[in-house]
Amino acid sequence: MARRASSMSLRSPKLSAGRESPSASSTFASAILGPESEEWVKQWSSVNARDLIDSRIVAVEADTSVEDACDLLLSEDIPCLAVRALPGTTSYPFVGLFDFSDVNAFLTLAATRHTIPPHELKANASADQIMSAARSGHVPVHLVSNLSEKNFLETVHYDATIISLLATFARGTHRVLVHSLPPSNDFLGMVSDRGLLSWFFSYAERTSSFRSYLDNSLCALGLPSLHIHSSVVATTGTAQVLDAMRLMSEQGVSSIAVTDEEHGTLLSVVSVTDVGKMVVPSESNQILSAPLHQFIAQIRAPDGSTDGVDKYPIYLVSPTTKLSFAIQKLLATNAHRLFVTDNDYLPPASYPVSSTGSLCGIVSIVDILSLFAIIANIPDVDPTKRMRQRRASSSSSQSSRSGLASRDFTRSRSSSRASLPLSASPRIVATSGDTRSSISNLDTFQWSELVSLRKTE
């Protein structure tokens, strides 16, 4: 995919030997396993998935507006909504899920639609339907469900065990719905990848052999997609909020690193949840053209407002960090991934305390669960497969399009969204007035004005 900006690898020279394939990682990880691992798997097989349910299912009707669905995500403080199927279309109760990754993909489409050639939009059924619905002033949430292609609806049966959860999460899934006892067609609730990771950490606390295994370093374990040797999706603090939104949408990730432009040191992190909680309630689209360092300051503002302490978490580990510590940090910060830095690099003394050494990789919850899936002898463990497929299908359509104005450091697990290639950032013009407009008809992004202009072109 051609990009205007120059790409810069964030690899550490010391760690640039290359990354292990999933099969090689399996052999590598198994080399430090003892015979007790068979007992671990036996115990995992005896635990039902339904006992790990950590979230209720909040459902919305298929025709609910995107605006109302966004408001529900925010007011209920939940990770996602289940979108009911349209009446008469299927016997299945839900058509898909809707989360902040979908919100980010929708807002990115809204803000950049006029940069996409009409024939490309026509070729994309979802985008074309969304545009048609927007012209009528109402975008139903079922059209935006899984627009990000990160939020697939996955289910397990009532008697499923932790092994079934591992097999599902090891494919890159983040949430699983658990069926009720047959013959009911309902669901008991939802299990998240974080909930499963929390269970494994609790298991380690009562199982000394497994706790010892988790005390190995990240690099020693050879996680199936521990991208220490690969570059990382990142942008700089001077890039615009819309640049970050589009980068997350194109690369199929839910958060990106924000780095110092000169030294590549990690300054902070921006996620699709930040976009949902900051951009959606905003009364002006000026926030889209704001530099990320200002956006991050707004995110941090509530932290420390009562006691003067900056509580903004830093999601950092090193290649020599123990897996047990990485798990603790993922759970404590409520993060999906940690950024790996090279301890041999020290930033200048003038840098803020939140900045770090050389950014060189990522380890995620799915990576760690994939390692446990390998221990359980689950076949074909490859958490990057779905992303690689999306990237392969989209690379040809985007090869002739210009990229972000910000610097793009793309690690190998990241992918462009296959469904909707997006081009360079447009100039975002703030609307007049202070009243929040409905994002369903996209007035916030002057949708109707640009649609009418396109008709006359």
Protein backbone atom coordinates (compact mmCIF):
# COMPACT_ATOMS: atom_id res chain seq x y z
CA MET A 1 0.00 0.00 0.00
CA ALA A 2 1.61 3.22 -1.15
CA ARG A 3 1.88 5.98 1.43
CA ARG A 4 2.91 9.61 1.18
CA ALA A 5 4.85 9.59 4.39
CA SER A 6 8.15 7.83 4.79
CA SER A 7 7.96 4.59 6.75
CA MET A 8 10.36 4.02 9.57
CA SER A 9 10.91 0.68 11.25
CA LEU A 10 10.85 0.63 15.01
CA ARG A 11 12.84 -2.57 15.20
CA SER A 12 15.71 -2.79 17.64
CA PRO A 13 18.86 -3.87 15.76
CA LYS A 14 19.62 -6.37 18.49
CA LEU A 15 16.24 -8.04 17.98
CA SER A 16 16.00 -7.97 14.22
CA ALA A 17 16.79 -11.62 13.57
CA GLY A 18 13.20 -12.33 12.59
CA ARG A 19 10.07 -13.62 14.29
CA GLU A 20 9.08 -17.19 14.89
CA SER A 21 6.26 -18.79 12.93
CA PRO A 22 3.41 -20.27 14.99
CA SER A 23 4.73 -23.81 14.46
CA ALA A 24 8.26 -22.80 15.44
CA SER A 25 6.91 -21.00 18.49
CA SER A 26 5.03 -24.15 19.47
CA THR A 27 8.23 -26.16 19.50
CA PHE A 28 10.06 -23.36 21.30
CA ALA A 29 7.41 -23.02 24.00
CA SER A 30 7.07 -26.77 24.47
CA ALA A 31 10.78 -27.09 25.12
CA ILE A 32 10.37 -25.57 28.61
CA LEU A 33 7.17 -27.42 29.50
CA GLY A 34 7.24 -30.23 32.00
CA PRO A 35 5.02 -33.32 32.30
CA GLU A 36 2.71 -31.33 34.57
CA SER A 37 1.33 -29.52 31.52
CA GLU A 38 -0.85 -32.53 30.76
CA GLU A 39 -2.46 -32.13 34.17
CA TRP A 40 -3.05 -28.43 33.47
CA VAL A 41 -4.93 -29.22 30.27
CA LYS A 42 -6.95 -31.92 32.04
CA GLN A 43 -8.04 -29.37 34.63
CA TRP A 44 -8.82 -26.75 31.99
CA SER A 45 -11.04 -29.28 30.23
CA SER A 46 -13.14 -29.65 33.36
CA VAL A 47 -14.08 -25.96 33.64
CA ASN A 48 -17.19 -24.82 31.78
CA ALA A 49 -17.11 -21.67 29.69
CA ARG A 50 -20.41 -20.54 31.23
CA ASP A 51 -18.66 -20.27 34.61
CA LEU A 52 -16.44 -17.53 33.19
CA ILE A 53 -19.22 -15.25 31.93
CA ASP A 54 -18.09 -11.71 32.76
CA SER A 55 -20.55 -9.55 30.84
CA ARG A 56 -24.27 -9.45 30.31
CA ILE A 57 -25.66 -9.25 26.81
CA VAL A 58 -27.19 -5.87 26.03
CA ALA A 59 -29.23 -6.16 22.84
CA VAL A 60 -30.51 -3.50 20.48
CA GLU A 61 -32.98 -3.75 17.65
CA ALA A 62 -31.55 -3.87 14.13
CA ASP A 63 -33.19 -0.57 13.18
CA THR A 64 -31.80 1.34 16.17
CA SER A 65 -29.90 4.38 14.93
CA VAL A 66 -26.13 4.41 15.15
CA GLU A 67 -26.38 7.48 17.37
CA ASP A 68 -28.64 5.72 19.88
CA ALA A 69 -26.41 2.63 19.81
CA CYS A 70 -23.35 4.80 20.54
CA ASP A 71 -25.18 6.50 23.38
CA LEU A 72 -26.08 3.10 24.83
CA LEU A 73 -22.47 1.93 24.68
CA LEU A 74 -21.44 5.03 26.60
CA SER A 75 -24.28 5.11 29.13
CA GLU A 76 -24.11 1.39 29.93
CA ASP A 77 -20.29 1.42 29.99
CA ILE A 78 -20.14 -1.92 28.20
CA PRO A 79 -17.68 -3.22 25.58
CA CYS A 80 -20.24 -4.06 22.90
CA LEU A 81 -23.90 -4.47 21.97
CA ALA A 82 -25.60 -7.47 20.42
CA VAL A 83 -27.61 -6.41 17.36
CA ARG A 84 -30.86 -8.31 16.92
CA ALA A 85 -31.66 -9.82 13.54
CA LEU A 86 -34.28 -8.17 11.37
CA PRO A 87 -37.67 -9.86 11.73
CA GLY A 88 -38.15 -12.76 9.35
CA THR A 89 -34.54 -12.86 8.14
CA THR A 90 -33.15 -15.68 10.31
CA SER A 91 -33.99 -17.92 13.22
CA TYR A 92 -30.83 -16.75 14.93
CA PRO A 93 -31.49 -14.02 17.52
CA PHE A 94 -28.55 -11.78 16.62
CA VAL A 95 -27.04 -10.57 13.38
CA GLY A 96 -23.79 -9.35 14.87
CA LEU A 97 -22.05 -7.19 17.46
CA PHE A 98 -21.41 -3.45 17.62
CA ASP A 99 -18.49 -1.95 19.54
CA PHE A 100 -16.14 1.03 19.58
CA SER A 101 -14.09 -0.39 16.69
CA ASP A 102 -17.24 -0.17 14.58
CA VAL A 103 -17.88 3.35 15.88
CA ASN A 104 -14.37 4.33 14.83
CA ALA A 105 -14.80 2.74 11.38
CA PHE A 106 -18.13 4.53 10.88
CA LEU A 107 -16.81 7.94 11.94
CA THR A 108 -13.76 7.46 9.71
CA LEU A 109 -16.02 6.67 6.76
CA ALA A 110 -18.15 9.70 7.56
CA ALA A 111 -15.17 12.04 7.70
CA THR A 112 -13.35 10.72 4.63
CA ARG A 113 -16.14 9.59 2.31
CA HIS A 114 -15.65 12.45 -0.14
CA THR A 115 -12.03 11.35 -0.74
CA ILE A 116 -13.14 7.90 -1.92
CA PRO A 117 -13.93 7.56 -5.65
CA PRO A 118 -17.63 6.74 -6.31
CA HIS A 119 -16.79 3.45 -8.05
CA GLU A 120 -14.94 2.23 -4.93
CA LEU A 121 -17.89 3.06 -2.70
CA LYS A 122 -20.29 1.34 -5.12
CA ALA A 123 -18.09 -1.75 -5.04
CA ASN A 124 -18.45 -1.90 -1.27
CA ALA A 125 -21.96 -3.00 -0.36
CA SER A 126 -21.74 -1.93 3.28
CA ALA A 127 -20.43 1.55 2.54
CA ASP A 128 -22.95 2.05 -0.26
CA GLN A 129 -25.84 1.04 2.03
CA ILE A 130 -24.58 3.34 4.78
CA MET A 131 -24.38 6.26 2.37
CA SER A 132 -27.89 5.64 1.10
CA ALA A 133 -29.22 5.40 4.65
CA ALA A 134 -27.36 8.58 5.64
CA ARG A 135 -29.01 10.53 2.85
CA SER A 136 -32.36 9.61 4.36
CA GLY A 137 -31.19 10.76 7.78
CA HIS A 138 -31.18 7.39 9.58
CA VAL A 139 -28.35 4.84 9.64
CA PRO A 140 -29.54 1.63 11.37
CA VAL A 141 -26.98 -0.06 13.55
CA HIS A 142 -27.23 -3.40 11.73
CA LEU A 143 -25.51 -1.76 8.74
CA VAL A 144 -22.56 -0.74 10.92
CA SER A 145 -22.30 -3.97 12.92
CA ASN A 146 -18.76 -5.31 12.37
CA LEU A 147 -17.94 -2.55 9.89
CA SER A 148 -14.47 -2.73 11.44
CA GLU A 149 -14.22 -6.44 10.57
CA LYS A 150 -12.80 -6.97 14.07
CA ASN A 151 -16.00 -7.81 15.88
CA PHE A 152 -17.27 -11.13 14.58
CA LEU A 153 -20.14 -12.87 16.34
CA GLU A 154 -18.72 -16.06 17.89
CA THR A 155 -20.66 -18.50 20.07
CA VAL A 156 -19.99 -21.67 22.08
CA HIS A 157 -22.48 -24.26 23.25
CA TYR A 158 -23.75 -24.62 26.81
CA ASP A 159 -21.32 -27.43 27.73
CA ALA A 160 -18.27 -25.80 26.17
CA THR A 161 -15.10 -25.72 28.26
CA ILE A 162 -12.08 -23.49 28.55
CA ILE A 163 -10.52 -25.50 25.73
CA SER A 164 -13.32 -24.35 23.42
CA LEU A 165 -12.74 -20.75 24.49
CA LEU A 166 -9.02 -21.05 23.79
CA ALA A 167 -9.70 -22.45 20.31
CA THR A 168 -11.95 -19.47 19.56
CA PHE A 169 -9.82 -16.71 21.07
CA ALA A 170 -6.66 -18.09 19.43
CA ARG A 171 -8.17 -17.06 16.08
CA GLY A 172 -8.17 -13.41 17.13
CA THR A 173 -11.67 -13.19 18.63
CA HIS A 174 -12.21 -10.95 21.67
CA ARG A 175 -15.70 -11.99 22.86
CA VAL A 176 -17.76 -15.17 22.84
CA LEU A 177 -21.48 -15.63 23.56
CA VAL A 178 -22.44 -18.72 25.57
CA HIS A 179 -25.60 -20.57 24.58
CA SER A 180 -28.28 -21.39 27.12
CA LEU A 181 -29.21 -24.96 27.91
CA PRO A 182 -30.87 -26.55 24.84
CA PRO A 183 -33.45 -26.41 23.37
CA SER A 184 -33.40 -22.68 24.19
CA ASN A 185 -32.07 -20.44 21.44
CA ASP A 186 -31.09 -17.78 23.95
CA PHE A 187 -27.69 -16.92 25.46
CA LEU A 188 -26.51 -16.85 29.06
CA GLY A 189 -23.97 -14.09 28.65
CA MET A 190 -20.61 -13.21 27.24
CA VAL A 191 -17.02 -14.25 27.98
CA SER A 192 -14.23 -11.84 27.04
CA ASP A 193 -10.63 -12.65 26.24
CA ARG A 194 -9.71 -10.56 29.28
CA GLY A 195 -12.04 -12.64 31.46
CA LEU A 196 -10.35 -15.84 30.28
CA LEU A 197 -6.89 -14.35 30.89
CA SER A 198 -7.99 -13.38 34.40
CA TRP A 199 -9.08 -16.97 35.02
CA PHE A 200 -5.65 -18.27 33.94
CA PHE A 201 -3.94 -15.83 36.29
CA SER A 202 -6.12 -17.07 39.16
CA TYR A 203 -5.32 -20.65 38.12
CA ALA A 204 -1.60 -19.82 38.38
CA GLU A 205 -2.06 -18.52 41.91
CA ARG A 206 -3.30 -21.94 43.04
CA THR A 207 -1.12 -24.07 40.76
CA SER A 208 2.58 -23.66 41.55
CA SER A 209 3.86 -25.43 38.42
CA PHE A 210 1.84 -23.18 36.14
CA ARG A 211 2.93 -20.13 38.13
CA SER A 212 6.55 -21.17 37.59
CA TYR A 213 5.87 -21.46 33.86
CA LEU A 214 4.48 -17.91 33.77
CA ASP A 215 7.67 -16.67 35.42
CA ASN A 216 9.55 -17.25 32.16
CA SER A 217 10.37 -14.14 30.12
CA LEU A 218 8.37 -13.14 27.06
CA CYS A 219 11.28 -13.76 24.72
CA ALA A 220 12.01 -17.18 26.27
CA LEU A 221 8.46 -18.39 25.77
CA GLY A 222 8.32 -17.48 22.08
CA LEU A 223 4.66 -16.49 21.96
CA PRO A 224 3.06 -17.34 18.59
CA SER A 225 2.71 -13.70 17.65
CA LEU A 226 5.05 -11.90 20.01
CA HIS A 227 6.10 -9.23 17.53
CA ILE A 228 9.31 -8.18 19.20
CA HIS A 229 11.03 -8.40 15.82
CA SER A 230 8.37 -6.55 13.87
CA SER A 231 7.40 -2.94 13.49
CA VAL A 232 4.44 -1.42 15.33
CA VAL A 233 1.39 0.54 14.17
CA ALA A 234 2.09 4.02 15.45
CA THR A 235 1.85 7.70 14.67
CA THR A 236 3.26 10.86 16.19
CA GLY A 237 1.88 13.36 18.66
CA THR A 238 1.60 15.99 15.95
CA ALA A 239 -0.71 13.85 13.78
CA GLN A 240 -4.41 14.67 13.80
CA VAL A 241 -7.06 12.69 15.64
CA LEU A 242 -8.61 11.71 12.30
CA ASP A 243 -5.24 10.32 11.18
CA ALA A 244 -5.22 8.03 14.21
CA MET A 245 -8.83 7.00 13.63
CA ARG A 246 -8.17 6.11 10.02
CA LEU A 247 -4.95 4.30 10.86
CA MET A 248 -6.74 2.07 13.39
CA SER A 249 -9.53 1.43 10.88
CA GLU A 250 -7.20 0.64 7.98
CA GLN A 251 -4.80 -1.50 9.99
CA GLY A 252 -7.47 -3.42 11.88
CA VAL A 253 -6.23 -2.58 15.38
CA SER A 254 -8.05 -1.15 18.38
CA SER A 255 -5.20 1.06 19.60
CA ILE A 256 -2.05 2.66 18.27
CA ALA A 257 1.15 3.95 19.81
CA VAL A 258 1.79 7.68 19.85
CA THR A 259 5.49 8.34 19.55
CA ASP A 260 7.94 11.17 19.61
CA GLU A 261 8.59 12.28 16.04
CA GLU A 262 12.35 12.60 16.35
CA HIS A 263 13.35 9.66 18.55
CA GLY A 264 10.45 7.22 18.11
CA THR A 265 9.97 6.90 21.87
CA LEU A 266 6.52 5.93 23.13
CA LEU A 267 4.64 8.90 24.55
CA SER A 268 1.16 7.45 24.96
CA VAL A 269 -1.56 5.26 23.44
CA VAL A 270 -4.84 6.12 21.69
CA SER A 271 -7.62 3.54 21.33
CA VAL A 272 -10.99 3.19 19.61
CA THR A 273 -12.57 3.43 23.07
CA ASP A 274 -10.96 6.86 23.50
CA VAL A 275 -12.46 7.85 20.14
CA GLY A 276 -15.89 6.63 21.21
CA LYS A 277 -15.79 8.40 24.55
CA MET A 278 -14.26 11.66 23.33
CA VAL A 279 -15.25 12.19 19.69
CA VAL A 280 -18.86 10.99 19.80
CA PRO A 281 -19.96 13.33 22.64
CA SER A 282 -18.06 16.27 21.14
CA GLU A 283 -20.15 19.25 20.04
CA SER A 284 -17.80 20.12 17.19
CA ASN A 285 -15.88 18.17 14.60
CA GLN A 286 -12.88 20.40 15.30
CA ILE A 287 -11.71 17.59 17.55
CA LEU A 288 -10.92 15.54 14.43
CA SER A 289 -8.30 18.03 13.29
CA ALA A 290 -6.79 18.44 16.76
CA PRO A 291 -3.23 17.13 17.22
CA LEU A 292 -3.01 13.91 19.15
CA HIS A 293 -0.99 15.44 21.98
CA GLN A 294 -3.97 17.71 22.73
CA PHE A 295 -6.40 14.80 22.43
CA ILE A 296 -4.29 12.78 24.87
CA ALA A 297 -4.28 15.68 27.31
CA GLN A 298 -8.10 15.66 27.21
CA ILE A 299 -8.12 11.93 27.91
CA ARG A 300 -5.79 12.36 30.85
CA ALA A 301 -7.67 15.34 32.29
CA PRO A 302 -10.05 13.38 34.58
CA ASP A 303 -7.13 11.41 36.07
CA GLY A 304 -5.52 13.19 38.95
CA SER A 305 -8.24 15.85 39.07
CA THR A 306 -9.15 14.87 42.63
CA ASP A 307 -5.78 13.99 44.16
CA GLY A 308 -3.26 15.58 41.84
CA VAL A 309 -1.83 12.23 40.75
CA ASP A 310 -1.49 11.38 37.07
CA LYS A 311 -3.05 7.92 36.81
CA TYR A 312 -2.71 7.51 33.07
CA PRO A 313 -1.29 3.99 32.67
CA ILE A 314 1.82 3.24 30.64
CA TYR A 315 1.45 0.01 28.71
CA LEU A 316 5.09 -1.08 28.62
CA VAL A 317 7.11 -4.27 28.97
CA SER A 318 10.54 -5.38 27.81
CA PRO A 319 11.61 -8.61 26.07
CA THR A 320 12.88 -9.88 29.42
CA THR A 321 9.65 -9.12 31.31
CA LYS A 322 8.10 -12.16 32.97
CA LEU A 323 4.87 -13.35 31.38
CA SER A 324 3.21 -13.25 34.81
CA PHE A 325 4.00 -9.53 35.12
CA ALA A 326 2.74 -8.85 31.60
CA ILE A 327 -0.56 -10.56 32.48
CA GLN A 328 -0.85 -8.54 35.67
CA LYS A 329 -0.26 -5.34 33.77
CA LEU A 330 -2.82 -6.19 31.07
CA LEU A 331 -5.43 -6.88 33.72
CA ALA A 332 -4.57 -3.87 35.88
CA THR A 333 -4.60 -1.36 33.01
CA ASN A 334 -7.66 -2.86 31.29
CA ALA A 335 -5.57 -2.89 28.10
CA HIS A 336 -5.71 -5.34 25.18
CA ARG A 337 -2.01 -5.10 24.37
CA LEU A 338 1.32 -4.00 25.79
CA PHE A 339 4.12 -2.29 23.90
CA VAL A 340 7.56 -3.89 24.02
CA THR A 341 10.55 -1.59 24.38
CA ASP A 342 14.27 -2.17 24.21
CA ASN A 343 15.80 -1.50 27.62
CA ASP A 344 19.20 -0.75 26.07
CA TYR A 345 17.90 2.57 24.71
CA LEU A 346 17.47 5.46 27.12
CA PRO A 347 15.61 8.61 25.99
CA PRO A 348 17.10 12.06 26.53
CA ALA A 349 16.79 13.43 30.05
CA SER A 350 14.56 16.22 28.77
CA TYR A 351 11.80 13.77 27.80
CA PRO A 352 8.68 13.42 29.96
CA VAL A 353 8.60 10.61 32.47
CA SER A 354 5.99 8.79 30.39
CA SER A 355 8.34 8.39 27.43
CA THR A 356 10.32 5.21 27.03
CA GLY A 357 13.12 3.46 25.25
CA SER A 358 13.04 2.21 21.69
CA LEU A 359 9.62 0.85 20.74
CA CYS A 360 10.12 -2.54 19.12
CA GLY A 361 7.03 -4.74 19.46
CA ILE A 362 3.68 -5.72 20.93
CA VAL A 363 2.25 -8.52 23.04
CA SER A 364 -1.53 -8.85 23.35
CA ILE A 365 -4.10 -10.83 25.32
CA VAL A 366 -4.77 -12.92 22.21
CA ASP A 367 -1.04 -13.65 21.91
CA ILE A 368 -0.93 -15.02 25.45
CA LEU A 369 -4.13 -17.06 25.06
CA SER A 370 -2.68 -18.46 21.83
CA LEU A 371 0.31 -19.69 23.82
CA PHE A 372 -2.03 -21.50 26.21
CA ALA A 373 -3.88 -22.94 23.19
CA ILE A 374 -0.60 -24.41 21.99
CA ILE A 375 -0.07 -25.99 25.40
CA ALA A 376 -3.55 -27.52 25.07
CA ASN A 377 -2.56 -29.01 21.67
CA ILE A 378 -5.23 -27.05 19.83
CA PRO A 379 -4.46 -27.36 16.10
CA ASP A 380 -3.75 -24.49 13.70
CA VAL A 381 -3.18 -21.79 16.30
CA ASP A 382 -2.65 -18.61 14.33
CA PRO A 383 -4.12 -15.39 15.79
CA THR A 384 -2.89 -13.36 12.82
CA LYS A 385 -4.52 -15.42 10.06
CA ARG A 386 -7.70 -13.36 9.77
CA MET A 387 -5.79 -10.09 9.68
CA ARG A 388 -3.34 -11.38 7.06
CA GLN A 389 -6.25 -12.40 4.86
CA ARG A 390 -7.84 -8.95 5.15
CA ARG A 391 -4.55 -7.28 4.36
CA ALA A 392 -3.93 -9.48 1.32
CA SER A 393 -7.38 -8.78 -0.10
CA SER A 394 -7.10 -5.04 0.43
CA SER A 395 -3.49 -4.37 -0.53
CA SER A 396 -4.15 -4.46 -4.26
CA SER A 397 -7.10 -2.06 -4.04
CA GLN A 398 -5.08 0.40 -1.98
CA SER A 399 -1.78 0.14 -3.85
CA SER A 400 -2.51 3.16 -6.02
CA ARG A 401 -3.89 5.32 -3.23
CA SER A 402 -1.93 7.78 -1.15
CA GLY A 403 -1.55 7.18 2.57
CA LEU A 404 -1.54 9.09 5.80
CA ALA A 405 0.30 12.31 6.29
CA SER A 406 1.49 10.95 9.62
CA ARG A 407 4.24 8.39 9.89
CA ASP A 408 3.00 4.81 9.71
CA PHE A 409 4.95 2.09 11.43
CA THR A 410 3.13 -1.10 10.45
CA ARG A 411 3.90 -4.38 12.20
CA SER A 412 3.25 -7.62 10.38
CA ARG A 413 0.12 -8.62 12.26
CA SER A 414 -1.63 -5.40 11.28
CA SER A 415 -3.86 -5.31 8.26
CA SER A 416 -5.80 -2.93 6.12
CA ARG A 417 -9.53 -3.34 6.17
CA ALA A 418 -10.53 -5.27 3.11
CA SER A 419 -13.94 -3.75 2.77
CA LEU A 420 -13.21 -0.05 2.52
CA PRO A 421 -9.95 1.45 1.29
CA LEU A 422 -9.56 5.00 2.56
CA SER A 423 -7.28 7.68 1.22
CA ALA A 424 -5.51 10.71 2.55
CA SER A 425 -7.00 12.82 5.32
CA PRO A 426 -9.38 15.53 4.13
CA ARG A 427 -9.51 18.96 5.64
CA ILE A 428 -12.14 18.89 8.37
CA VAL A 429 -14.21 22.06 8.57
CA ALA A 430 -16.05 22.74 11.81
CA THR A 431 -19.77 23.18 11.62
CA SER A 432 -21.34 26.37 12.89
CA GLY A 433 -23.25 26.37 16.13
CA ASP A 434 -22.70 24.53 19.41
CA THR A 435 -25.54 22.03 19.26
CA ARG A 436 -24.50 18.41 18.83
CA SER A 437 -25.77 17.09 15.51
CA SER A 438 -26.97 13.57 14.95
CA ILE A 439 -24.20 11.27 13.78
CA SER A 440 -26.89 9.17 12.16
CA ASN A 441 -27.34 11.72 9.38
CA LEU A 442 -23.67 12.71 9.62
CA ASP A 443 -24.41 16.43 9.81
CA THR A 444 -21.46 16.71 12.18
CA PHE A 445 -19.25 15.98 9.17
CA GLN A 446 -21.30 18.10 6.72
CA TRP A 447 -22.53 14.90 5.08
CA SER A 448 -25.61 16.32 3.38
CA GLU A 449 -23.66 19.24 1.94
CA LEU A 450 -21.02 17.01 0.39
CA VAL A 451 -23.56 14.52 -0.90
CA SER A 452 -25.38 17.33 -2.71
CA LEU A 453 -22.08 18.55 -4.13
CA ARG A 454 -21.29 15.09 -5.45
CA LYS A 455 -24.63 14.93 -7.25
CA THR A 456 -23.67 17.96 -9.31
CA GLU A 457 -20.19 16.72 -10.17
